[in-house]
Amino acid sequence: MKALMPFVRLFARHWGWMSLGLLLSLLTLVMAIGLLSLSGWFISASAVAGLTVATSQAFNYLIPAGGVRGLSIGRTAARYGERLVTHNATFKLLTEMRVWLWNKLLPLSIGQLTRYRQADLLNRLVSDIDTLDHLYLRLLTPMLASLSVILLLGGFLAIFDATAAWFLCCLLLSLWLLLPPLFYWLGKRPGEATLQAKQAFRIRSIELVSHASEARVFGYQQRLQQQLNDAQDVLLNNQAKLAKITGLSQAVIIVASAVAVFGVIAIASQSVMSSTYSGPILALLVFATMASFEAMLPVAGAFQYLSATIKAAVRVSDVVEQQPMIEYQGHEQLNVNRETAIEFQNLAFQYPQQDNPVFVNLDMKVALKERVGIIGPSGIGKSTLLALINRQWQPSDGQIKVFDTPLEQIQETSLRQNLVTIGQVVHLFNATLAENLRIAADVNDEKLVEVLKAVGLDSLLQQPQPLEQWLGEGGRTLSGGEQRRIEIARALLTGAPIWLLDEPTEGLDSDTEQQILHLLTELPYQPTMLWVSHRPQHEQYFDRVINIGEFQSK
C-alpha cells in the first residue's frame, strides 16, 4: 500500500472534482434506494387503501406518485452527473500522471533508460497509468459511497424498526469489512499476472509491427506472430480467471441480499403481527433492503484489482524514483563568437559494467564552421562521442568545452539552443508538414516555405496548401530522402551553430545519398559539423578526418 501514497498525493490536487464525483455517486445510491423503497410502500399502501371505499377516497395518491417520479428523474440526472464528473476527474488524473511520469523521464540519461525496453517504457506510460485509475474509480469512490449509504440507511430504517435496521447494518458492515480483503487475496495472483501479460502482449505487438519488414525478408515473421499469439493466450487466460472471481463476488452479494431480505422479513413481520406498524411499512423495509445491495455490488470487486494497481504503482515508481545521473546546474550562457566551437581535453569514457574504455586521452579542437569527420568501424565509439557532447553520458575523465565553456557550466536551454543532432532515424509525427517543422521553431509560413526551398523540397510546395498536407504516421507519405530533407530543414530553423550528424545518409540509395551530401555542404549558412561516418567516400566532404580508433587504449 505504501507504493500508492505518491499517487494519492497526486489525486489530492483534484480533490474538488473527486469529492463532487463521490457526492454524486452517493446521491445516486440514495435516490435509487429511496425510489425502490417509496415504490414498494406506495404499491402496498395503495392496495391496502383500496380495500374500502372510505380509505380509497382518503388516500393521497398524488404526493407519493410525484415522489416516485421525482426520485426517478433525480436518480437518472445524478447517475449522468456522477458518470460525467468521475470520468472527468479520472481523465484529469490520468493526464496529470502521464505528464508527471514524462517529466520524470526527461531528465534521465540514455544510460538510465537503456535498462528499459522501449515497449516496456510505453507500457508503463500507457497501460500502468491506466491501471492506476482503479484506485479512484473502483476503490475509493465505491468504498466511501457504500459506507456512507450503510450509515444513512441504518439511521433512516431505525425510524420504523430499530431491530431490522440494526440487523441490516451489521450484515452490510460485515460484508463491507470482509469481502474486500477476501477478494483481494483471491485476485492478487491473477491480477498481477494479468498486468504482466498485458506488458508482454504490448511488447510482442510492437515487435511484430516494428520488425515487420525485416521479419518478412529474413523469414521470422511466423515466429513473431506465434509469440504474439502465445502472449495473447496468456492474457486471455488470466482475464478469464479474474472474470470468474468477479462472478463469484457477485454471487456472494446476491446470496447475501437474499439472506438480508429474509432476515428483515422475519424481524419486521413480528412487528406487523403485533400492529406496531402496518404492512406498507414492511414493504418499505424489504424494498429498501433489496435496493441497499446496489451499493454493495462494487464493494466485493473493489479490492480485486488492488494487487494489479499496486504492481502498476511499483513499476511506475521504479522509473520516477530514479535520480538523474546527469544534472544541469550550470548558469553560463554560450558565447558563440569564439574561434573554437568544440574542444576535447584528455577525454576518456568507459561504459558501466564494461572492462575496457571506449577511448582514452582524446585531445581535439573543432574550429568554428569546420566540418570534421569522425570515422572508424561500427561499434568503436563514434556515436558515443556525440552522446557525450549531448550530455547523454558523463565522461569518465577529462573535459568537453563548447565555445570555451565546460559542459557542466552551461545552462541546459543554452546547450540545446546551440546544438542540433541529425541521426539515422527521422522522427516525424502524424500531423501536418507545418506542425512537423514548427517543432524546431515557431515561425511564420513564409519562413517555412523559404526553408523548404533551401533543402530542395520544391515538389512538396507544388501541392495545394502545401504546409497543411498530412504526413501520416512516421511520415509514411514521404520518401526516405524527403524525410531527411525535412530533418535538415528543422536544423536550419533552429539556427544552431553546431550540428552533430550521426550517419545522416544511412539507409538511402546512392543517388539520394549524394543529393543529401551535396545539400549538407551547400547550406544557407555554414554550421560547425561533427560528422560520424563509416564510409571512406564521405571523406571528400570533410575539412579533416579523425579516426576514433587512434584513441583506444592499447
Protein backbone atom coordinates (compact mmCIF):
# COMPACT_ATOMS: atom_id res chain seq x y z
CA MET A 1 0.00 0.00 0.00
CA LYS A 2 2.96 2.33 0.58
CA ALA A 3 3.59 2.31 -3.20
CA LEU A 4 0.23 4.02 -3.72
CA MET A 5 0.92 7.03 -1.49
CA PRO A 6 2.69 9.20 -4.15
CA PHE A 7 -0.33 8.74 -6.40
CA VAL A 8 -2.80 9.51 -3.62
CA ARG A 9 -0.94 12.80 -3.17
CA LEU A 10 -1.40 13.48 -6.88
CA PHE A 11 -5.11 12.75 -6.50
CA ALA A 12 -5.33 15.36 -3.76
CA ARG A 13 -4.73 18.09 -6.35
CA HIS A 14 -8.13 17.29 -7.85
CA TRP A 15 -9.98 16.85 -4.57
CA GLY A 16 -12.77 19.15 -5.73
CA TRP A 17 -13.74 17.04 -8.76
CA MET A 18 -13.17 13.83 -6.84
CA SER A 19 -15.33 14.97 -3.93
CA LEU A 20 -18.08 16.08 -6.30
CA GLY A 21 -17.94 12.68 -8.02
CA LEU A 22 -18.19 10.93 -4.66
CA LEU A 23 -21.11 13.14 -3.63
CA LEU A 24 -22.98 12.43 -6.87
CA SER A 25 -22.28 8.71 -6.52
CA LEU A 26 -23.72 8.81 -3.00
CA LEU A 27 -26.71 10.86 -4.20
CA THR A 28 -27.37 8.31 -6.97
CA LEU A 29 -27.42 5.44 -4.48
CA VAL A 30 -29.62 7.33 -2.03
CA MET A 31 -32.14 8.16 -4.75
CA ALA A 32 -32.09 4.56 -6.06
CA ILE A 33 -32.82 3.21 -2.58
CA GLY A 34 -35.44 5.92 -2.00
CA LEU A 35 -37.11 5.17 -5.35
CA LEU A 36 -37.46 1.45 -4.70
CA SER A 37 -38.47 1.93 -1.06
CA LEU A 38 -41.11 4.54 -1.88
CA SER A 39 -42.39 2.45 -4.78
CA GLY A 40 -42.78 -0.60 -2.52
CA TRP A 41 -44.58 1.42 0.13
CA PHE A 42 -46.80 3.16 -2.46
CA ILE A 43 -47.91 -0.07 -4.12
CA SER A 44 -48.64 -1.72 -0.77
CA ALA A 45 -50.34 1.33 0.68
CA SER A 46 -52.47 1.73 -2.46
CA ALA A 47 -53.56 -1.91 -2.25
CA VAL A 48 -54.49 -1.54 1.44
CA ALA A 49 -56.30 1.75 0.81
CA GLY A 50 -58.32 0.16 -1.97
CA LEU A 51 -59.87 -2.42 0.36
CA THR A 52 -62.66 0.01 1.34
CA VAL A 53 -64.30 2.99 -0.33
CA ALA A 54 -63.58 5.29 2.61
CA THR A 55 -59.87 4.58 2.77
CA SER A 56 -59.51 4.75 -1.03
CA GLN A 57 -61.12 8.20 -1.06
CA ALA A 58 -58.94 9.42 1.82
CA PHE A 59 -55.63 8.09 0.45
CA ASN A 60 -53.44 10.75 -1.19
CA TYR A 61 -52.08 9.18 -4.39
CA LEU A 62 -50.59 12.36 -5.83
CA ILE A 63 -47.75 13.05 -3.40
CA PRO A 64 -46.23 9.51 -3.45
CA ALA A 65 -46.65 9.37 -7.24
CA GLY A 66 -44.89 12.71 -7.53
CA GLY A 67 -42.15 11.43 -5.20
CA VAL A 68 -41.62 8.33 -7.35
CA ARG A 69 -41.34 10.44 -10.50
CA GLY A 70 -39.06 12.95 -8.81
CA LEU A 71 -36.74 10.26 -7.46
CA SER A 72 -36.70 8.52 -10.84
CA ILE A 73 -35.72 11.70 -12.68
CA GLY A 74 -33.29 12.66 -9.90
CA ARG A 75 -31.62 9.24 -10.00
CA THR A 76 -31.15 9.48 -13.77
CA ALA A 77 -29.73 13.01 -13.53
CA ALA A 78 -27.47 12.08 -10.60
CA ARG A 79 -26.20 8.98 -12.43
CA TYR A 80 -25.42 11.05 -15.51
CA GLY A 81 -23.72 13.72 -13.41
CA GLU A 82 -21.77 11.08 -11.49
CA ARG A 83 -20.50 9.47 -14.72
CA LEU A 84 -19.63 12.85 -16.15
CA VAL A 85 -17.79 14.11 -13.09
CA THR A 86 -16.00 10.90 -12.10
CA HIS A 87 -14.78 10.30 -15.65
CA ASN A 88 -13.71 13.92 -15.97
CA ALA A 89 -11.80 13.57 -12.70
CA THR A 90 -10.27 10.31 -13.94
CA PHE A 91 -9.14 11.83 -17.22
CA LYS A 92 -7.61 14.76 -15.36
CA LEU A 93 -5.79 12.33 -13.08
CA LEU A 94 -4.55 10.22 -15.99
CA THR A 95 -3.37 13.31 -17.83
CA GLU A 96 -1.53 14.64 -14.81
CA MET A 97 0.04 11.27 -14.03
CA ARG A 98 1.27 10.86 -17.60
CA VAL A 99 2.71 14.38 -17.64
CA TRP A 100 4.25 13.73 -14.22
CA LEU A 101 5.84 10.48 -15.43
CA TRP A 102 7.03 12.12 -18.64
CA ASN A 103 8.64 14.96 -16.68
CA LYS A 104 10.40 12.35 -14.56
CA LEU A 105 11.64 10.54 -17.69
CA LEU A 106 13.00 13.63 -19.45
CA PRO A 107 15.99 14.29 -17.12
CA LEU A 108 17.11 10.65 -17.20
CA SER A 109 20.17 9.97 -19.29
CA ILE A 110 20.34 7.41 -22.04
CA GLY A 111 22.38 5.25 -19.67
CA GLN A 112 19.46 5.08 -17.26
CA LEU A 113 16.86 4.48 -19.96
CA THR A 114 18.73 1.67 -21.70
CA ARG A 115 17.80 -0.69 -18.87
CA TYR A 116 14.22 -0.50 -20.14
CA ARG A 117 12.97 -1.70 -23.47
CA GLN A 118 11.12 0.99 -25.42
CA ALA A 119 7.96 -1.12 -25.44
CA ASP A 120 8.27 -1.53 -21.67
CA LEU A 121 8.50 2.24 -21.16
CA LEU A 122 5.47 2.70 -23.39
CA ASN A 123 3.62 0.08 -21.35
CA ARG A 124 4.39 1.93 -18.11
CA LEU A 125 3.34 5.24 -19.61
CA VAL A 126 0.06 3.90 -21.03
CA SER A 127 -1.14 0.62 -19.50
CA ASP A 128 0.26 1.03 -15.98
CA ILE A 129 -1.07 4.58 -15.67
CA ASP A 130 -4.46 3.35 -16.92
CA THR A 131 -4.43 0.66 -14.23
CA LEU A 132 -3.90 3.28 -11.55
CA ASP A 133 -7.31 4.81 -12.28
CA HIS A 134 -8.79 1.80 -10.46
CA LEU A 135 -7.63 3.48 -7.26
CA TYR A 136 -10.25 6.21 -7.65
CA LEU A 137 -12.98 4.61 -9.77
CA ARG A 138 -13.06 1.10 -8.31
CA LEU A 139 -11.65 1.53 -4.82
CA LEU A 140 -12.01 4.92 -3.18
CA THR A 141 -15.35 6.02 -4.66
CA PRO A 142 -17.39 2.78 -4.23
CA MET A 143 -15.96 2.06 -0.77
CA LEU A 144 -16.65 5.52 0.64
CA ALA A 145 -20.05 5.80 -1.06
CA SER A 146 -21.21 2.38 0.18
CA LEU A 147 -20.08 3.11 3.75
CA SER A 148 -21.99 6.39 3.72
CA VAL A 149 -25.11 4.65 2.36
CA ILE A 150 -24.96 1.97 5.08
CA LEU A 151 -24.86 4.60 7.82
CA LEU A 152 -27.60 6.76 6.26
CA LEU A 153 -29.82 3.76 5.57
CA GLY A 154 -29.41 2.48 9.11
CA GLY A 155 -30.49 5.82 10.51
CA PHE A 156 -33.49 6.01 8.17
CA LEU A 157 -34.75 2.44 8.82
CA ALA A 158 -34.31 2.87 12.58
CA ILE A 159 -37.19 5.36 12.45
CA PHE A 160 -39.53 2.45 11.63
CA ASP A 161 -37.82 -0.61 13.13
CA ALA A 162 -34.58 -0.35 15.10
CA THR A 163 -34.09 -4.12 15.25
CA ALA A 164 -34.38 -4.58 11.49
CA ALA A 165 -32.13 -1.57 10.92
CA TRP A 166 -29.53 -2.98 13.33
CA PHE A 167 -29.63 -6.40 11.64
CA LEU A 168 -29.25 -4.94 8.14
CA CYS A 169 -26.46 -2.53 9.13
CA CYS A 170 -24.48 -5.28 10.87
CA LEU A 171 -24.80 -7.53 7.83
CA LEU A 172 -23.82 -4.80 5.39
CA LEU A 173 -20.89 -3.63 7.54
CA SER A 174 -19.66 -7.21 7.85
CA LEU A 175 -19.72 -7.55 4.07
CA TRP A 176 -18.05 -4.15 3.71
CA LEU A 177 -15.21 -5.24 6.01
CA LEU A 178 -14.77 -8.89 5.00
CA LEU A 179 -15.38 -9.07 1.25
CA PRO A 180 -12.67 -6.63 0.05
CA PRO A 181 -9.72 -8.43 1.75
CA LEU A 182 -11.16 -11.81 0.76
CA PHE A 183 -11.38 -10.95 -2.92
CA TYR A 184 -8.09 -9.07 -2.78
CA TRP A 185 -6.49 -12.34 -1.70
CA LEU A 186 -8.33 -14.27 -4.41
CA GLY A 187 -7.50 -11.75 -7.13
CA LYS A 188 -3.91 -10.98 -6.11
CA ARG A 189 -2.08 -13.51 -8.25
CA PRO A 190 -4.28 -13.36 -11.37
CA GLY A 191 -4.37 -9.55 -11.11
CA GLU A 192 -0.58 -9.29 -11.10
CA ALA A 193 -0.33 -11.95 -13.80
CA THR A 194 -2.80 -10.01 -15.97
CA LEU A 195 -0.73 -6.85 -15.65
CA GLN A 196 2.43 -8.73 -16.65
CA ALA A 197 0.58 -10.44 -19.50
CA LYS A 198 -0.58 -7.05 -20.81
CA GLN A 199 3.02 -5.87 -20.75
CA ALA A 200 4.22 -8.95 -22.64
CA PHE A 201 1.39 -8.67 -25.16
CA ARG A 202 2.16 -5.00 -25.81
CA ILE A 203 5.87 -5.74 -26.26
CA ARG A 204 5.16 -8.59 -28.70
CA SER A 205 2.70 -6.39 -30.63
CA ILE A 206 5.28 -3.63 -31.02
CA GLU A 207 7.96 -6.11 -32.04
CA LEU A 208 5.70 -7.61 -34.72
CA VAL A 209 4.87 -4.19 -36.17
CA SER A 210 8.30 -2.55 -35.89
CA HIS A 211 10.18 -5.58 -37.26
CA ALA A 212 7.64 -6.36 -39.99
CA SER A 213 9.94 -5.57 -42.92
CA GLU A 214 12.99 -7.40 -41.55
CA ALA A 215 10.86 -10.35 -40.43
CA ARG A 216 9.41 -10.76 -43.91
CA VAL A 217 12.83 -10.51 -45.56
CA PHE A 218 14.63 -12.90 -43.21
CA GLY A 219 11.72 -15.27 -42.66
CA TYR A 220 10.97 -15.00 -38.97
CA GLN A 221 7.58 -13.28 -39.22
CA GLN A 222 5.80 -16.53 -38.33
CA ARG A 223 7.85 -16.83 -35.14
CA LEU A 224 6.95 -13.28 -34.08
CA GLN A 225 3.29 -13.95 -34.85
CA GLN A 226 3.37 -17.12 -32.76
CA GLN A 227 4.96 -15.26 -29.84
CA LEU A 228 2.18 -12.68 -30.08
CA ASN A 229 -0.47 -15.41 -30.14
CA ASP A 230 1.10 -17.09 -27.09
CA ALA A 231 1.16 -13.77 -25.21
CA GLN A 232 -2.48 -13.21 -26.13
CA ASP A 233 -3.45 -16.67 -24.85
CA VAL A 234 -1.74 -15.98 -21.51
CA LEU A 235 -3.53 -12.61 -21.24
CA LEU A 236 -6.94 -14.09 -22.05
CA ASN A 237 -6.38 -16.93 -19.60
CA ASN A 238 -5.61 -14.53 -16.74
CA GLN A 239 -8.51 -12.26 -17.68
CA ALA A 240 -10.79 -15.32 -17.58
CA LYS A 241 -9.57 -16.07 -14.05
CA LEU A 242 -10.36 -12.51 -12.97
CA ALA A 243 -13.79 -12.76 -14.61
CA LYS A 244 -14.55 -15.92 -12.60
CA ILE A 245 -13.56 -14.15 -9.38
CA THR A 246 -15.80 -11.22 -10.36
CA GLY A 247 -18.66 -13.66 -10.95
CA LEU A 248 -18.04 -15.27 -7.57
CA SER A 249 -18.12 -11.86 -5.86
CA GLN A 250 -21.46 -11.01 -7.48
CA ALA A 251 -22.85 -14.41 -6.46
CA VAL A 252 -21.83 -13.77 -2.85
CA ILE A 253 -23.61 -10.40 -2.93
CA ILE A 254 -26.78 -11.98 -4.39
CA VAL A 255 -26.82 -14.69 -1.69
CA ALA A 256 -26.18 -12.08 1.00
CA SER A 257 -29.04 -9.93 -0.33
CA ALA A 258 -31.40 -12.94 -0.10
CA VAL A 259 -30.28 -13.56 3.49
CA ALA A 260 -30.83 -9.89 4.29
CA VAL A 261 -34.34 -9.84 2.79
CA PHE A 262 -35.43 -12.99 4.63
CA GLY A 263 -33.93 -11.67 7.87
CA VAL A 264 -35.70 -8.30 7.60
CA ILE A 265 -39.00 -10.02 6.74
CA ALA A 266 -38.64 -12.33 9.76
CA ILE A 267 -37.90 -9.40 12.10
CA ALA A 268 -40.41 -6.93 10.68
CA SER A 269 -43.28 -9.43 10.34
CA GLN A 270 -43.35 -9.74 14.14
CA SER A 271 -44.00 -6.01 14.41
CA VAL A 272 -46.73 -6.16 11.75
CA MET A 273 -48.45 -9.01 13.57
CA SER A 274 -48.29 -7.04 16.81
CA SER A 275 -49.68 -3.99 14.97
CA THR A 276 -46.59 -1.90 15.75
CA TYR A 277 -46.72 -0.70 12.17
CA SER A 278 -48.64 -1.58 9.03
CA GLY A 279 -47.93 -3.84 6.09
CA PRO A 280 -46.83 -1.00 3.76
CA ILE A 281 -44.01 -0.19 6.19
CA LEU A 282 -42.93 -3.84 5.93
CA ALA A 283 -42.83 -3.43 2.15
CA LEU A 284 -40.76 -0.27 2.58
CA LEU A 285 -38.24 -2.12 4.77
CA VAL A 286 -38.00 -5.06 2.38
CA PHE A 287 -37.59 -2.95 -0.75
CA ALA A 288 -35.03 -0.71 0.99
CA THR A 289 -33.08 -3.84 1.92
CA MET A 290 -33.14 -5.07 -1.67
CA ALA A 291 -32.06 -1.67 -3.00
CA SER A 292 -29.23 -1.31 -0.49
CA PHE A 293 -27.26 -4.06 -2.21
CA GLU A 294 -26.81 -1.84 -5.26
CA ALA A 295 -24.25 -0.04 -3.12
CA MET A 296 -22.60 -3.33 -2.18
CA LEU A 297 -22.16 -4.72 -5.71
CA PRO A 298 -18.89 -2.85 -6.45
CA VAL A 299 -17.54 -3.40 -2.92
CA ALA A 300 -16.68 -7.06 -3.42
CA GLY A 301 -14.71 -6.29 -6.55
CA ALA A 302 -13.13 -3.10 -5.20
CA PHE A 303 -10.01 -4.83 -3.88
CA GLN A 304 -9.94 -7.45 -6.63
CA TYR A 305 -7.89 -5.08 -8.80
CA LEU A 306 -5.86 -3.69 -5.91
CA SER A 307 -2.94 -6.08 -6.46
CA ALA A 308 -2.68 -5.05 -10.12
CA THR A 309 -2.92 -1.38 -9.08
CA ILE A 310 -0.12 -1.79 -6.53
CA LYS A 311 2.00 -3.65 -9.09
CA ALA A 312 1.46 -0.86 -11.61
CA ALA A 313 2.38 1.73 -8.95
CA VAL A 314 5.60 -0.16 -8.18
CA ARG A 315 6.53 -0.32 -11.87
CA VAL A 316 5.88 3.40 -12.39
CA SER A 317 7.70 4.29 -9.16
CA ASP A 318 10.70 2.26 -10.34
CA VAL A 319 11.10 4.87 -13.09
CA VAL A 320 10.18 8.07 -11.27
CA GLU A 321 12.28 7.38 -8.17
CA GLN A 322 15.50 7.36 -10.16
CA GLN A 323 17.74 10.34 -9.61
CA PRO A 324 19.16 11.76 -12.86
CA MET A 325 22.77 10.73 -13.34
CA ILE A 326 23.46 13.99 -15.15
CA GLU A 327 22.18 17.20 -13.61
CA TYR A 328 22.19 20.61 -15.25
CA GLN A 329 23.37 23.03 -12.60
CA GLY A 330 25.21 25.32 -14.98
CA HIS A 331 24.45 29.00 -15.22
CA GLU A 332 26.52 30.07 -18.21
CA GLN A 333 25.06 31.30 -21.49
CA LEU A 334 27.15 30.32 -24.50
CA ASN A 335 29.11 32.97 -26.35
CA VAL A 336 29.17 31.66 -29.91
CA ASN A 337 31.65 34.27 -31.12
CA ARG A 338 34.67 32.09 -30.39
CA GLU A 339 37.17 30.55 -32.75
CA THR A 340 36.88 27.09 -31.16
CA ALA A 341 33.43 25.51 -31.27
CA ILE A 342 34.19 22.20 -29.51
CA GLU A 343 37.23 21.11 -27.56
CA PHE A 344 38.06 17.72 -26.03
CA GLN A 345 40.69 17.72 -23.30
CA ASN A 346 42.15 14.33 -22.24
CA LEU A 347 38.70 12.83 -22.71
CA ALA A 348 38.11 9.24 -21.62
CA PHE A 349 34.95 7.20 -21.40
CA GLN A 350 34.04 3.70 -20.26
CA TYR A 351 30.55 2.16 -20.15
CA PRO A 352 29.33 0.85 -16.78
CA GLN A 353 29.92 -2.87 -16.19
CA GLN A 354 32.49 -2.99 -19.02
CA ASP A 355 36.16 -3.73 -18.57
CA ASN A 356 37.69 -1.72 -21.41
CA PRO A 357 37.27 2.01 -22.05
CA VAL A 358 35.79 3.17 -25.33
CA PHE A 359 38.57 5.74 -25.76
CA VAL A 360 41.20 7.49 -23.65
CA ASN A 361 43.26 10.70 -23.86
CA LEU A 362 41.18 12.18 -26.66
CA ASP A 363 42.51 15.69 -27.36
CA MET A 364 40.94 17.58 -30.23
CA LYS A 365 39.68 21.02 -31.21
CA VAL A 366 36.96 21.73 -33.73
CA ALA A 367 37.14 25.23 -35.15
CA LEU A 368 34.11 27.39 -35.84
CA LYS A 369 32.38 26.39 -39.12
CA GLU A 370 34.72 23.44 -39.57
CA ARG A 371 33.43 20.08 -40.87
CA VAL A 372 35.15 17.27 -39.03
CA GLY A 373 34.54 13.64 -39.96
CA ILE A 374 34.65 11.03 -37.18
CA ILE A 375 35.45 7.71 -38.83
CA GLY A 376 36.07 4.16 -37.73
CA PRO A 377 34.38 0.76 -37.87
CA SER A 378 30.97 0.16 -36.32
CA GLY A 379 30.95 -0.16 -32.53
CA ILE A 380 34.20 1.72 -31.98
CA GLY A 381 32.58 4.67 -30.17
CA LYS A 382 31.79 7.30 -32.82
CA SER A 383 28.16 7.78 -31.74
CA THR A 384 29.26 7.67 -28.10
CA LEU A 385 31.34 10.79 -28.69
CA LEU A 386 28.25 12.67 -29.91
CA ALA A 387 26.26 11.37 -26.94
CA LEU A 388 28.90 12.81 -24.59
CA ILE A 389 28.55 16.23 -26.22
CA ASN A 390 24.78 15.97 -25.82
CA ARG A 391 25.33 15.06 -22.14
CA GLN A 392 23.62 11.69 -22.51
CA TRP A 393 26.66 10.18 -20.79
CA GLN A 394 29.19 11.60 -18.38
CA PRO A 395 32.90 11.34 -19.31
CA SER A 396 34.98 9.02 -17.15
CA ASP A 397 37.81 11.55 -17.26
CA GLY A 398 38.76 14.74 -19.00
CA GLN A 399 36.56 17.58 -20.16
CA ILE A 400 34.47 18.81 -23.08
CA LYS A 401 34.15 22.51 -23.86
CA VAL A 402 31.65 24.19 -26.14
CA PHE A 403 32.69 27.68 -27.20
CA ASP A 404 35.36 27.63 -24.45
CA THR A 405 32.79 26.83 -21.73
CA PRO A 406 32.88 23.46 -19.89
CA LEU A 407 29.70 21.44 -20.48
CA GLU A 408 28.97 21.24 -16.75
CA GLN A 409 28.73 25.04 -16.54
CA ILE A 410 26.30 25.51 -19.43
CA GLN A 411 22.57 26.00 -18.93
CA GLU A 412 20.57 23.19 -20.49
CA THR A 413 18.44 25.59 -22.55
CA SER A 414 21.54 27.31 -23.90
CA LEU A 415 23.15 23.98 -24.78
CA ARG A 416 20.04 22.74 -26.61
CA GLN A 417 19.66 26.02 -28.50
CA ASN A 418 23.18 25.80 -29.87
CA LEU A 419 23.38 22.07 -30.63
CA VAL A 420 21.30 20.15 -33.15
CA THR A 421 21.58 16.40 -33.79
CA ILE A 422 20.70 14.67 -37.06
CA GLY A 423 20.68 10.90 -36.74
CA GLN A 424 19.91 7.83 -38.81
CA VAL A 425 16.21 7.84 -37.92
CA VAL A 426 13.96 10.81 -38.69
CA HIS A 427 11.09 11.24 -36.23
CA LEU A 428 8.02 12.60 -37.98
CA PHE A 429 4.63 12.89 -36.34
CA ASN A 430 1.17 12.12 -37.64
CA ALA A 431 0.50 15.79 -38.28
CA THR A 432 0.81 18.44 -40.99
CA LEU A 433 4.06 19.45 -42.64
CA ALA A 434 3.94 22.84 -40.90
CA GLU A 435 3.40 21.27 -37.48
CA ASN A 436 6.32 18.91 -38.01
CA LEU A 437 8.58 21.83 -38.95
CA ARG A 438 7.47 24.12 -36.14
CA ILE A 439 8.77 21.63 -33.62
CA ALA A 440 12.13 23.27 -34.31
CA ALA A 441 10.96 26.91 -34.21
CA ASP A 442 7.68 28.78 -34.12
CA VAL A 443 8.00 30.80 -37.32
CA ASN A 444 5.57 32.13 -39.94
CA ASP A 445 4.57 30.33 -43.13
CA GLU A 446 6.88 32.44 -45.30
CA LYS A 447 9.91 31.26 -43.33
CA LEU A 448 8.77 27.62 -43.62
CA VAL A 449 8.43 27.94 -47.40
CA GLU A 450 11.87 29.56 -47.59
CA VAL A 451 13.48 26.71 -45.65
CA LEU A 452 11.69 24.02 -47.68
CA LYS A 453 13.06 25.59 -50.86
CA ALA A 454 16.53 25.74 -49.32
CA VAL A 455 16.54 21.98 -48.69
CA GLY A 456 15.19 21.13 -52.15
CA LEU A 457 11.62 20.20 -51.22
CA ASP A 458 10.04 22.25 -54.02
CA SER A 459 7.99 19.19 -55.02
CA LEU A 460 6.05 19.37 -51.75
CA LEU A 461 5.33 23.04 -52.37
CA GLN A 462 3.60 22.29 -55.68
CA GLN A 463 0.59 20.79 -53.90
CA PRO A 464 -2.47 22.85 -52.89
CA GLN A 465 -2.00 24.23 -49.37
CA PRO A 466 1.43 22.55 -49.13
CA LEU A 467 2.06 23.35 -45.46
CA GLU A 468 -1.24 21.71 -44.46
CA GLN A 469 -0.59 18.38 -46.16
CA TRP A 470 -0.77 15.44 -43.76
CA LEU A 471 2.45 13.44 -43.44
CA GLY A 472 0.96 10.35 -41.81
CA GLU A 473 2.39 8.18 -39.06
CA GLY A 474 6.20 8.30 -39.24
CA GLY A 475 5.97 10.39 -42.44
CA ARG A 476 4.87 7.37 -44.46
CA THR A 477 3.65 9.59 -47.32
CA LEU A 478 7.23 10.74 -47.94
CA SER A 479 10.28 9.06 -49.41
CA GLY A 480 13.40 8.45 -47.32
CA GLY A 481 15.18 11.36 -48.97
CA GLU A 482 12.28 13.73 -48.33
CA GLN A 483 12.22 12.71 -44.68
CA ARG A 484 15.95 13.51 -44.33
CA ARG A 485 15.44 16.87 -46.02
CA ILE A 486 12.71 17.73 -43.51
CA GLU A 487 15.15 16.87 -40.70
CA ILE A 488 17.72 19.21 -42.24
CA ALA A 489 15.03 21.89 -42.60
CA ARG A 490 14.31 21.57 -38.89
CA ALA A 491 18.02 22.00 -38.13
CA LEU A 492 18.12 25.15 -40.27
CA LEU A 493 15.10 26.56 -38.45
CA THR A 494 16.85 26.22 -35.09
CA GLY A 495 19.74 28.35 -36.31
CA ALA A 496 22.09 26.24 -34.15
CA PRO A 497 25.78 26.94 -34.83
CA ILE A 498 26.84 23.32 -34.10
CA TRP A 499 25.47 20.27 -35.89
CA LEU A 500 26.13 16.72 -34.75
CA LEU A 501 25.49 14.27 -37.59
CA ASP A 502 25.30 10.53 -36.90
CA GLU A 503 25.27 8.63 -40.20
CA PRO A 504 22.71 11.05 -41.73
CA THR A 505 22.59 9.18 -45.07
CA GLU A 506 22.26 5.65 -43.66
CA GLY A 507 19.66 3.55 -45.46
CA LEU A 508 19.39 5.78 -48.54
CA ASP A 509 20.07 4.72 -52.11
CA SER A 510 23.24 6.04 -53.73
CA ASP A 511 21.57 8.81 -55.76
CA THR A 512 19.59 10.13 -52.79
CA GLU A 513 22.69 9.84 -50.60
CA GLN A 514 24.67 12.04 -52.98
CA GLN A 515 21.87 14.60 -53.02
CA ILE A 516 21.79 14.77 -49.20
CA LEU A 517 25.61 15.00 -49.00
CA HIS A 518 25.63 17.85 -51.50
CA LEU A 519 22.82 19.60 -49.60
CA LEU A 520 24.73 19.38 -46.32
CA THR A 521 27.73 21.10 -47.87
CA GLU A 522 25.69 23.83 -49.59
CA LEU A 523 23.54 25.07 -46.70
CA PRO A 524 22.33 28.70 -46.46
CA TYR A 525 24.74 29.13 -43.53
CA GLN A 526 27.76 27.08 -42.55
CA PRO A 527 27.46 25.46 -39.11
CA THR A 528 30.23 23.63 -37.31
CA MET A 529 29.80 19.94 -38.09
CA LEU A 530 30.95 16.89 -36.21
CA TRP A 531 30.04 14.18 -38.70
CA VAL A 532 30.07 10.46 -37.84
CA SER A 533 30.58 8.15 -40.80
CA HIS A 534 31.98 4.72 -41.60
CA ARG A 535 32.14 5.26 -45.37
CA PRO A 536 35.50 6.33 -46.85
CA GLN A 537 33.80 8.04 -49.81
CA HIS A 538 32.35 10.64 -47.43
CA GLU A 539 35.82 11.99 -46.56
CA GLN A 540 35.79 14.36 -49.55
CA TYR A 541 33.03 16.34 -47.81
CA PHE A 542 35.06 16.91 -44.60
CA ASP A 543 37.65 19.55 -43.87
CA ARG A 544 39.57 16.94 -41.89
CA VAL A 545 39.10 13.44 -40.54
CA ILE A 546 39.59 11.96 -37.05
CA ASN A 547 39.92 8.20 -36.65
CA ILE A 548 38.45 7.45 -33.23
CA GLY A 549 40.33 4.17 -33.12
CA GLU A 550 43.58 6.08 -32.53
CA PHE A 551 42.34 6.99 -29.05
CA GLN A 552 41.56 3.48 -27.87
CA SER A 553 43.62 2.01 -25.06
CA LYS A 554 46.37 -0.33 -26.21
